[in-house]
Structures are given as structure tokens and as C-alpha cells.
Amino acid sequence: MLRFLLALLVVVPCCSFASDPVDELPADVVTFIERRDLCDHFRGEEPYDEERRSFLEKNIIEYCTGTDRRLANLRQKYKQNPVVMDLLSGYEEVIEPTK
């Protein structure tokens, strides 16, 4: 849902919205979604050569590290907020390698 709203903001910049739903979300949730979406983007890319593999690994480390814990914390913090819980439900619980 948030991805759709963000896409609309990019595709239709000339339109004026009475209330931007993204502005109504808690800042920590917006920050998580932005970071995790970047993480998921880089995780889905093809490492077709060594340079690309290195680039992807760097970005995966930068954007994915800590997101499993952050997601769990946000789900706990906002468990009474159905809008936030709906947005967070689309993310995998565990994406980071276990040690």
C-alpha cells in the first residue's frame, strides 16, 4: 500500500493531495520502509560480474543490517495500530543471515 502511494507521488507530482498518507505514518516506520525497500531491491538484483557482486554486497550490508530486529521492534511497538501493522505485514521476518 505505501509503495503504491509513494509511486503515485512520483508519477503524479502535479496533483495536490489534501492529506499525504505518508505524513500520517510514524517517522520510524517511514524510515524502516525506505531502508528495507532499498535492502529488498538490492537483494533481488543479479550479481552478473565481480564488480556488480561487490556493489550489491556493499549495499545489502548497508541497507539490510539490523532490519530484522527493527521490524520485530516496530511490530511490537505498533501492534495496536492496524495501518502500520498492515504495512509491516508485507515484509519477511528474517532476511539476515544467522550466525
Foldseek 3Di string as FASTA:
>chain_A
DVVVLVVCCVVPVPDDDPDRVVVVDDPLLNVLVVLVVQLVVLVPDDCPDPVSVVVSVVSNCVRVPPSLVSLVVVCVVCVVPVVSCVVSVVDDNDDDDDD
